[in-house]
Amino acid sequence: MSKNFRIGIIGLGQIGNYLYHELNRKKKDIENKTGKKINIIGISAKNKNKKRKYKINKKIFYSNPFDVIKKRPNVIFEVIGSPDGISRKIVETSLKNGIHVITPNKALIAKHGNYLTRLAEKNNVNLEFEASVAGGIPILRTLKEDLSTNKINKVSGILNGTTNYILTEMENTNQNFKKVLYKAQKLGYAEPINPKLDLNGFDAFAKVRILSSLSFNSKIASNKCLMEGIENIDIKDIKIANQLGMRIKLLGLTELINGKLFERVHPCLVDKKSYIGNVNGVMNAVIINGEPVGENILQGEGAGPGPTSSSLLSDLMFVLRGNIQKPFGIPYKQLKQYKSYNLENYSNSLYLRFEVKDVPGVMSKITDKLAKFKISIKRLIQTPGNKSKKATIIMITHKTTELNIQKCLKIINKDKNTLKPATLIRIFN
């Protein structure tokens, strides 16, 4: 590899612009540590004249991103973020032309990772995506390198800083979901126009798919899995959880159960005294269980230009040192294809909240239905609605299967005395 290293950046949003600034600021430091001189030879974005935090060199700006690729950089940073369209085309074209690619684009990797890794291997270049999961936490390199000889059994954690901030702030301020979401948008923790992909669990689920592949030496799965967000979490749920000595967290989990892959993202009630129960604000945390290492925990800021750029630069340093590595740690042909674990067999203790009419017999109707599906109640809290003629019923159940609870709630939700679909939160062990 030549001592001079040519770099292209496509996408100059908050992260791309910060990365551009960091690359220019740290040129000497990078040269001292790798022996390589870096030179940004092309940048591209939708708007050349957009006001940005850090000024760009307009002499190397190209309206057409493929003109940057034509300048034959050694590496392209794809920092646009779409799972398809221009993002995929840029990565695909770069790899085909023997250009290393570094990206934080988890949606792209989760959707097209199998195809792109084959392309990278065929052209003997790197496809690096450390920044796609948990921001500045070096989780992917840890799985690929430091824990590569371990047998990973399960990975779980808080993988989305936006939802963790919202749930933490709801508890701390006693404000409802909408007010806290607005605050998160103002602070830049949530997308200002459409934060849906954070709130509905999709962002965390894309990260789970990537973690699964690296943890279990498997291809990116494409099967339908359990994915729930935090849109239906009410301030009532936060308060009741607090009374129970628990907190609500959106968790991403992946594990092998009897040789079958079980991936899911959903809100969980976690013990306040537990480690995961004390990861608050915009922080992310990943817990890895493996043999012989046991339990490993990595925590840090999971989003934002600073942590993301840290991981992007880590990938660059890896490439500059001449490390040509398979994107998922081992050759694509050796990656396994696991069958899916049957979601209906998933067993959990549950938190259930029912909003009902405050009339005689409502409670007994609900308990009868639960009993019919062999769902036993561990704890019950009923809040009368006083003059409103509405009541809130909270139940904590013993362990039951997804099949039983979903069938049961389908019936209860149709009852004339049920005012809105029941809220279900699984309790994390």
Protein backbone atom coordinates (compact mmCIF):
# COMPACT_ATOMS: atom_id res chain seq x y z
CA MET A 1 0.00 0.00 0.00
CA SER A 2 1.28 3.46 -0.93
CA LYS A 3 2.30 5.85 1.83
CA ASN A 4 -0.23 8.35 0.44
CA PHE A 5 -3.86 7.41 1.05
CA ARG A 6 -6.72 9.03 -0.87
CA ILE A 7 -10.10 9.47 0.81
CA GLY A 8 -13.59 10.30 -0.45
CA ILE A 9 -16.57 11.27 1.72
CA ILE A 10 -20.11 10.94 0.39
CA GLY A 11 -22.69 12.51 2.66
CA LEU A 12 -22.00 15.73 4.59
CA GLY A 13 -24.77 15.77 7.15
CA GLN A 14 -24.09 16.10 10.86
CA ILE A 15 -21.88 12.98 10.96
CA GLY A 16 -20.23 13.40 7.55
CA ASN A 17 -19.33 17.01 8.24
CA TYR A 18 -17.90 16.16 11.66
CA LEU A 19 -15.89 13.29 10.13
CA TYR A 20 -14.52 15.66 7.46
CA HIS A 21 -13.37 18.03 10.22
CA GLU A 22 -11.79 15.22 12.27
CA LEU A 23 -9.88 13.82 9.29
CA ASN A 24 -8.39 17.22 8.54
CA ARG A 25 -7.62 17.91 12.19
CA LYS A 26 -5.95 14.56 12.86
CA LYS A 27 -3.88 14.07 9.71
CA LYS A 28 -0.57 14.26 11.56
CA ASP A 29 -1.72 11.98 14.37
CA ILE A 30 -2.92 9.39 11.85
CA GLU A 31 0.39 9.57 9.96
CA ASN A 32 2.38 9.12 13.19
CA LYS A 33 0.38 6.02 14.11
CA THR A 34 0.11 4.35 10.70
CA GLY A 35 2.90 5.76 8.55
CA LYS A 36 0.27 6.84 5.99
CA LYS A 37 -0.47 10.37 4.79
CA ILE A 38 -4.19 10.88 4.22
CA ASN A 39 -5.62 13.28 1.68
CA ILE A 40 -9.32 14.00 1.14
CA ILE A 41 -9.60 14.13 -2.64
CA GLY A 42 -13.37 14.33 -3.04
CA ILE A 43 -16.54 15.10 -1.10
CA SER A 44 -20.18 15.01 -2.15
CA ALA A 45 -23.61 15.91 -0.80
CA LYS A 46 -26.95 17.18 -2.05
CA ASN A 47 -26.24 20.86 -1.35
CA LYS A 48 -22.84 22.43 -1.91
CA ASN A 49 -23.81 25.74 -0.27
CA LYS A 50 -25.65 24.42 2.77
CA LYS A 51 -24.58 26.07 6.02
CA ARG A 52 -22.51 23.53 7.94
CA LYS A 53 -20.82 23.61 11.32
CA TYR A 54 -17.41 23.02 9.71
CA LYS A 55 -16.45 24.69 6.44
CA ILE A 56 -15.76 22.42 3.49
CA ASN A 57 -13.29 22.77 0.65
CA LYS A 58 -15.58 23.52 -2.28
CA LYS A 59 -12.75 22.87 -4.73
CA ILE A 60 -13.06 19.13 -4.06
CA PHE A 61 -16.89 19.12 -3.94
CA TYR A 62 -18.74 17.03 -6.54
CA SER A 63 -22.49 17.23 -7.04
CA ASN A 64 -22.46 13.73 -8.50
CA PRO A 65 -21.12 11.30 -5.86
CA PHE A 66 -19.92 8.89 -8.54
CA ASP A 67 -17.44 11.53 -9.70
CA VAL A 68 -15.71 11.05 -6.35
CA ILE A 69 -15.44 7.32 -7.04
CA LYS A 70 -14.01 8.07 -10.50
CA LYS A 71 -11.12 9.88 -8.83
CA ARG A 72 -10.00 6.46 -7.56
CA PRO A 73 -9.78 7.04 -3.80
CA ASN A 74 -8.36 4.23 -1.65
CA VAL A 75 -11.37 4.42 0.65
CA ILE A 76 -14.90 5.81 0.47
CA PHE A 77 -16.84 6.87 3.55
CA GLU A 78 -20.55 6.36 2.80
CA VAL A 79 -22.34 8.57 5.34
CA ILE A 80 -25.76 9.01 3.75
CA GLY A 81 -27.64 6.35 5.69
CA SER A 82 -30.27 4.88 3.38
CA PRO A 83 -30.71 1.07 3.16
CA ASP A 84 -31.23 1.26 -0.61
CA GLY A 85 -30.98 3.70 -3.51
CA ILE A 86 -27.92 5.90 -3.72
CA SER A 87 -26.30 4.49 -0.55
CA ARG A 88 -26.34 0.93 -1.82
CA LYS A 89 -25.18 1.99 -5.29
CA ILE A 90 -22.24 3.95 -3.88
CA VAL A 91 -21.06 1.05 -1.71
CA GLU A 92 -21.61 -1.49 -4.47
CA THR A 93 -19.76 0.58 -7.10
CA SER A 94 -16.86 1.31 -4.74
CA LEU A 95 -16.36 -2.35 -3.82
CA LYS A 96 -16.51 -3.42 -7.47
CA ASN A 97 -13.79 -0.89 -8.26
CA GLY A 98 -11.47 -2.19 -5.55
CA ILE A 99 -12.12 0.68 -3.13
CA HIS A 100 -12.39 0.05 0.62
CA VAL A 101 -15.71 1.17 2.11
CA ILE A 102 -16.36 2.46 5.64
CA THR A 103 -19.93 3.20 6.69
CA PRO A 104 -22.11 3.69 9.80
CA ASN A 105 -25.14 2.57 7.76
CA LYS A 106 -26.73 -0.22 9.84
CA ALA A 107 -29.89 -0.31 7.72
CA LEU A 108 -27.80 -1.02 4.62
CA ILE A 109 -25.72 -3.74 6.29
CA ALA A 110 -28.74 -5.37 7.94
CA LYS A 111 -30.56 -5.53 4.60
CA HIS A 112 -27.79 -6.14 2.06
CA GLY A 113 -24.87 -7.32 4.20
CA ASN A 114 -24.82 -10.82 2.70
CA TYR A 115 -24.49 -9.50 -0.85
CA LEU A 116 -22.02 -6.74 0.01
CA THR A 117 -19.70 -9.00 2.01
CA ARG A 118 -19.44 -11.36 -0.99
CA LEU A 119 -18.60 -8.37 -3.17
CA ALA A 120 -15.90 -7.15 -0.76
CA GLU A 121 -14.33 -10.61 -0.56
CA LYS A 122 -14.37 -11.03 -4.34
CA ASN A 123 -12.50 -7.74 -4.81
CA ASN A 124 -10.18 -8.23 -1.84
CA VAL A 125 -11.17 -4.99 -0.10
CA ASN A 126 -12.59 -4.08 3.29
CA LEU A 127 -16.20 -3.34 4.09
CA GLU A 128 -16.03 -1.84 7.59
CA PHE A 129 -19.07 -0.85 9.65
CA GLU A 130 -18.02 -0.56 13.32
CA ALA A 131 -20.02 2.67 13.65
CA SER A 132 -23.25 0.92 12.60
CA VAL A 133 -23.82 -0.55 16.09
CA ALA A 134 -23.65 1.31 19.41
CA GLY A 135 -21.86 4.43 18.14
CA GLY A 136 -18.47 4.79 19.79
CA ILE A 137 -18.50 1.41 21.56
CA PRO A 138 -16.03 -0.96 19.80
CA ILE A 139 -18.47 -3.87 19.94
CA LEU A 140 -18.03 -5.27 16.42
CA ARG A 141 -14.23 -5.30 16.56
CA THR A 142 -14.50 -6.94 19.99
CA LEU A 143 -16.61 -9.75 18.52
CA LYS A 144 -14.46 -10.12 15.38
CA GLU A 145 -11.10 -9.97 17.13
CA ASP A 146 -10.96 -10.07 20.93
CA LEU A 147 -13.69 -12.66 21.45
CA SER A 148 -13.25 -14.52 18.16
CA THR A 149 -12.29 -17.83 19.83
CA ASN A 150 -15.22 -17.73 22.25
CA LYS A 151 -18.55 -19.41 21.76
CA ILE A 152 -21.08 -16.60 22.11
CA ASN A 153 -24.42 -17.73 23.55
CA LYS A 154 -26.36 -14.50 23.91
CA VAL A 155 -26.05 -10.77 23.28
CA SER A 156 -28.41 -8.26 24.85
CA GLY A 157 -28.46 -4.58 25.59
CA ILE A 158 -29.63 -1.04 25.05
CA LEU A 159 -28.87 -0.27 21.42
CA ASN A 160 -30.75 2.97 20.82
CA GLY A 161 -29.84 6.16 22.66
CA THR A 162 -32.98 8.05 21.56
CA THR A 163 -35.42 5.66 23.20
CA ASN A 164 -33.23 5.29 26.29
CA TYR A 165 -33.15 9.07 26.70
CA ILE A 166 -36.94 9.32 26.34
CA LEU A 167 -37.66 6.58 28.90
CA THR A 168 -35.12 8.04 31.34
CA GLU A 169 -36.49 11.55 30.96
CA MET A 170 -40.11 10.40 31.40
CA GLU A 171 -39.11 8.87 34.72
CA ASN A 172 -37.03 11.85 35.88
CA THR A 173 -39.45 14.63 34.87
CA ASN A 174 -42.84 12.89 35.14
CA GLN A 175 -43.66 14.22 31.65
CA ASN A 176 -45.56 12.23 29.05
CA PHE A 177 -44.11 10.61 25.93
CA LYS A 178 -45.01 13.43 23.50
CA LYS A 179 -43.43 16.16 25.61
CA VAL A 180 -40.22 14.24 26.15
CA LEU A 181 -40.01 13.29 22.46
CA TYR A 182 -40.27 16.98 21.56
CA LYS A 183 -37.45 17.73 23.99
CA ALA A 184 -35.33 14.93 22.48
CA GLN A 185 -35.87 16.42 19.01
CA LYS A 186 -34.84 19.89 20.19
CA LEU A 187 -31.66 18.47 21.73
CA GLY A 188 -30.80 16.54 18.55
CA TYR A 189 -31.26 13.10 20.15
CA ALA A 190 -34.25 12.30 17.91
CA GLU A 191 -34.84 13.01 14.22
CA PRO A 192 -36.68 16.36 13.96
CA ILE A 193 -39.08 15.33 11.19
CA ASN A 194 -39.58 11.57 11.38
CA PRO A 195 -38.16 9.75 14.43
CA LYS A 196 -40.25 6.65 13.68
CA LEU A 197 -37.32 4.26 13.02
CA ASP A 198 -35.93 4.91 16.48
CA LEU A 199 -39.27 4.77 18.29
CA ASN A 200 -40.68 1.63 16.64
CA GLY A 201 -37.58 -0.47 17.33
CA PHE A 202 -36.34 -0.73 13.72
CA ASP A 203 -33.04 1.02 14.39
CA ALA A 204 -32.23 -1.32 17.28
CA PHE A 205 -33.38 -4.35 15.29
CA ALA A 206 -31.01 -3.60 12.39
CA LYS A 207 -28.20 -3.59 14.96
CA VAL A 208 -29.40 -6.89 16.43
CA ARG A 209 -29.16 -8.48 12.98
CA ILE A 210 -25.55 -7.36 12.62
CA LEU A 211 -24.67 -8.52 16.15
CA SER A 212 -26.19 -11.93 15.43
CA SER A 213 -24.03 -12.44 12.36
CA LEU A 214 -20.79 -11.58 14.15
CA SER A 215 -21.69 -13.43 17.36
CA PHE A 216 -22.81 -16.69 15.78
CA ASN A 217 -20.77 -16.68 12.53
CA SER A 218 -24.00 -16.59 10.57
CA LYS A 219 -25.44 -14.89 7.52
CA ILE A 220 -27.66 -11.88 8.09
CA ALA A 221 -31.10 -13.31 8.76
CA SER A 222 -34.16 -12.20 6.82
CA ASN A 223 -36.95 -13.90 8.74
CA LYS A 224 -39.76 -11.97 10.41
CA CYS A 225 -39.06 -11.43 14.12
CA LEU A 226 -40.48 -9.77 17.20
CA MET A 227 -40.03 -5.99 16.96
CA GLU A 228 -41.83 -3.55 19.22
CA GLY A 229 -41.02 0.05 20.09
CA ILE A 230 -41.87 2.47 22.89
CA GLU A 231 -44.71 4.45 21.29
CA ASN A 232 -47.30 2.85 23.58
CA ILE A 233 -45.40 3.36 26.84
CA ASP A 234 -47.45 5.69 29.04
CA ILE A 235 -46.32 7.73 32.03
CA LYS A 236 -48.55 5.38 34.04
CA ASP A 237 -46.27 2.49 33.08
CA ILE A 238 -43.20 4.45 34.17
CA LYS A 239 -44.76 5.21 37.58
CA ILE A 240 -45.95 1.66 38.20
CA ALA A 241 -42.55 0.28 37.20
CA ASN A 242 -40.99 2.63 39.75
CA GLN A 243 -43.34 1.31 42.46
CA LEU A 244 -42.28 -2.22 41.56
CA GLY A 245 -38.58 -1.30 41.89
CA MET A 246 -38.12 -1.55 38.13
CA ARG A 247 -37.46 0.55 35.03
CA ILE A 248 -38.57 0.23 31.43
CA LYS A 249 -35.84 -0.18 28.82
CA LEU A 250 -35.99 -0.94 25.10
CA LEU A 251 -33.73 -3.97 24.73
CA GLY A 252 -32.29 -5.74 21.72
CA LEU A 253 -31.59 -9.44 22.24
CA THR A 254 -30.22 -12.28 20.16
CA GLU A 255 -29.39 -15.84 21.17
CA LEU A 256 -29.30 -19.41 19.98
CA ILE A 257 -31.93 -21.66 21.57
CA ASN A 258 -31.55 -25.35 20.72
CA GLY A 259 -29.59 -24.39 17.62
CA LYS A 260 -32.20 -21.90 16.40
CA LEU A 261 -31.75 -18.13 16.10
CA PHE A 262 -33.97 -15.92 18.23
CA GLU A 263 -33.71 -12.18 17.54
CA ARG A 264 -36.02 -9.59 19.05
CA VAL A 265 -36.40 -5.96 20.14
CA HIS A 266 -39.03 -4.90 22.66
CA PRO A 267 -39.54 -2.91 25.87
CA CYS A 268 -38.62 -4.77 29.05
CA LEU A 269 -39.11 -4.21 32.74
CA VAL A 270 -35.68 -4.48 34.36
CA ASP A 271 -34.67 -4.44 38.01
CA LYS A 272 -33.51 -1.00 39.20
CA LYS A 273 -30.61 -2.67 40.99
CA SER A 274 -29.40 -4.47 37.85
CA TYR A 275 -26.59 -3.18 35.66
CA ILE A 276 -28.83 -2.63 32.63
CA GLY A 277 -31.38 -0.84 34.82
CA ASN A 278 -28.81 1.86 35.54
CA VAL A 279 -27.77 2.65 31.98
CA ASN A 280 -29.61 5.92 31.49
CA GLY A 281 -29.89 8.90 29.15
CA VAL A 282 -28.43 8.51 25.66
CA MET A 283 -26.03 5.79 26.76
CA ASN A 284 -25.86 2.37 25.09
CA ALA A 285 -24.70 -0.87 26.70
CA VAL A 286 -24.06 -4.32 25.27
CA ILE A 287 -23.83 -7.49 27.38
CA ILE A 288 -22.10 -10.48 25.77
CA ASN A 289 -22.38 -13.95 27.27
CA GLY A 290 -19.88 -16.50 26.00
CA GLU A 291 -17.61 -19.41 26.79
CA PRO A 292 -15.02 -19.38 28.26
CA VAL A 293 -15.04 -15.58 28.73
CA GLY A 294 -18.29 -15.45 30.72
CA GLU A 295 -20.07 -12.10 30.77
CA ASN A 296 -18.59 -9.03 29.08
CA ILE A 297 -20.15 -5.57 29.26
CA LEU A 298 -19.37 -2.60 27.01
CA GLN A 299 -20.95 0.79 27.61
CA GLY A 300 -20.69 4.21 26.02
CA GLU A 301 -22.44 6.87 23.96
CA GLY A 302 -24.35 5.20 21.19
CA ALA A 303 -25.09 8.07 18.83
CA GLY A 304 -24.03 11.51 17.70
CA PRO A 305 -21.23 12.79 15.47
CA GLY A 306 -18.48 12.40 18.09
CA PRO A 307 -18.93 8.71 19.02
CA THR A 308 -19.82 7.76 15.43
CA SER A 309 -16.76 9.48 13.99
CA SER A 310 -14.60 7.77 16.60
CA SER A 311 -15.68 4.39 15.23
CA LEU A 312 -15.35 5.52 11.61
CA LEU A 313 -11.78 6.62 12.26
CA SER A 314 -11.08 3.35 14.07
CA ASP A 315 -12.08 1.53 10.89
CA LEU A 316 -9.85 3.81 8.84
CA MET A 317 -6.86 3.09 11.10
CA PHE A 318 -7.53 -0.62 10.66
CA VAL A 319 -7.47 -0.28 6.87
CA LEU A 320 -4.41 2.01 6.88
CA ARG A 321 -2.44 -0.62 8.75
CA GLY A 322 -3.01 -2.97 5.83
CA ASN A 323 -5.55 -5.27 7.49
CA ILE A 324 -7.67 -6.92 4.81
CA GLN A 325 -10.40 -8.72 6.69
CA LYS A 326 -13.62 -10.52 5.85
CA PRO A 327 -16.53 -8.20 6.76
CA PHE A 328 -18.09 -10.74 9.12
CA GLY A 329 -14.83 -12.16 10.42
CA ILE A 330 -14.77 -15.40 8.41
CA PRO A 331 -15.30 -16.18 4.71
CA TYR A 332 -18.88 -15.79 3.55
CA LYS A 333 -19.01 -19.45 2.43
CA GLN A 334 -18.35 -20.52 6.01
CA LEU A 335 -21.17 -18.45 7.51
CA LYS A 336 -24.05 -20.53 8.84
CA GLN A 337 -27.75 -20.17 8.08
CA TYR A 338 -29.81 -20.77 11.22
CA LYS A 339 -33.48 -21.62 11.33
CA SER A 340 -35.68 -19.30 13.37
CA TYR A 341 -36.78 -20.03 16.89
CA ASN A 342 -40.58 -20.25 17.15
CA LEU A 343 -41.77 -16.99 18.73
CA GLU A 344 -44.90 -18.67 20.06
CA ASN A 345 -42.73 -20.65 22.48
CA TYR A 346 -41.09 -17.52 23.93
CA SER A 347 -41.83 -17.59 27.67
CA ASN A 348 -41.83 -14.58 29.99
CA SER A 349 -43.35 -13.07 33.08
CA LEU A 350 -45.42 -10.11 31.93
CA TYR A 351 -46.60 -6.68 32.95
CA LEU A 352 -50.14 -6.04 31.67
CA ARG A 353 -52.06 -2.77 31.82
CA PHE A 354 -55.77 -2.72 31.04
CA GLU A 355 -57.82 0.46 30.60
CA VAL A 356 -61.44 -0.48 31.25
CA LYS A 357 -64.85 0.84 32.18
CA ASP A 358 -65.26 1.05 35.96
CA VAL A 359 -68.24 -1.29 36.17
CA PRO A 360 -68.89 -4.43 38.24
CA GLY A 361 -67.54 -7.71 36.89
CA VAL A 362 -64.74 -6.29 34.70
CA MET A 363 -61.95 -7.67 36.86
CA SER A 364 -63.44 -11.16 37.09
CA LYS A 365 -63.91 -11.25 33.30
CA ILE A 366 -60.23 -10.52 32.73
CA THR A 367 -59.00 -13.00 35.33
CA ASP A 368 -61.31 -15.69 33.92
CA LYS A 369 -59.88 -15.20 30.44
CA LEU A 370 -56.32 -15.34 31.77
CA ALA A 371 -57.10 -18.54 33.69
CA LYS A 372 -58.57 -20.11 30.54
CA PHE A 373 -55.17 -19.68 28.85
CA LYS A 374 -53.31 -20.92 31.95
CA ILE A 375 -51.88 -17.49 32.77
CA SER A 376 -51.55 -17.07 36.52
CA ILE A 377 -51.37 -13.70 38.28
CA LYS A 378 -48.45 -12.92 40.56
CA ARG A 379 -49.44 -9.38 41.54
CA LEU A 380 -52.44 -7.14 40.93
CA ILE A 381 -52.88 -3.37 41.21
CA GLN A 382 -56.23 -1.68 40.51
CA THR A 383 -56.65 2.09 40.23
CA PRO A 384 -60.28 3.27 40.32
CA GLY A 385 -61.20 6.06 37.95
CA ASN A 386 -63.37 7.95 40.47
CA LYS A 387 -65.72 10.28 38.55
CA SER A 388 -64.37 9.32 35.14
CA LYS A 389 -65.99 5.86 35.29
CA LYS A 390 -62.72 4.42 34.01
CA ALA A 391 -60.25 2.19 35.78
CA THR A 392 -56.68 1.04 35.24
CA ILE A 393 -55.82 -2.56 36.10
CA ILE A 394 -52.18 -3.63 36.35
CA MET A 395 -51.20 -7.28 36.50
CA ILE A 396 -47.85 -9.02 36.84
CA THR A 397 -48.07 -12.61 35.64
CA HIS A 398 -46.02 -15.72 36.20
CA LYS A 399 -44.23 -17.05 33.12
CA THR A 400 -46.40 -17.76 30.11
CA THR A 401 -45.85 -18.26 26.39
CA GLU A 402 -46.34 -15.70 23.63
CA LEU A 403 -48.91 -17.99 22.05
CA ASN A 404 -51.11 -18.02 25.15
CA ILE A 405 -50.90 -14.32 25.98
CA GLN A 406 -51.52 -13.14 22.43
CA LYS A 407 -54.58 -15.37 22.07
CA CYS A 408 -55.88 -14.19 25.42
CA LEU A 409 -55.35 -10.47 24.77
CA LYS A 410 -57.06 -10.76 21.40
CA ILE A 411 -60.25 -11.77 23.21
CA ILE A 412 -59.92 -9.25 26.08
CA ASN A 413 -59.24 -6.36 23.69
CA LYS A 414 -62.53 -7.05 21.89
CA ASP A 415 -64.58 -6.92 25.09
CA LYS A 416 -67.06 -4.01 25.25
CA ASN A 417 -65.66 -2.91 28.61
CA THR A 418 -62.09 -2.64 27.32
CA LEU A 419 -61.39 0.97 26.34
CA LYS A 420 -58.09 0.45 24.48
CA PRO A 421 -55.78 -2.45 23.62
CA ALA A 422 -53.87 -3.75 26.62
CA THR A 423 -50.26 -2.68 27.14
CA LEU A 424 -47.86 -5.61 27.43
CA ILE A 425 -44.28 -5.30 28.66
CA ARG A 426 -42.08 -8.36 29.10
CA ILE A 427 -40.03 -8.73 32.27
CA PHE A 428 -36.30 -9.17 31.64
CA ASN A 429 -34.49 -11.82 33.63
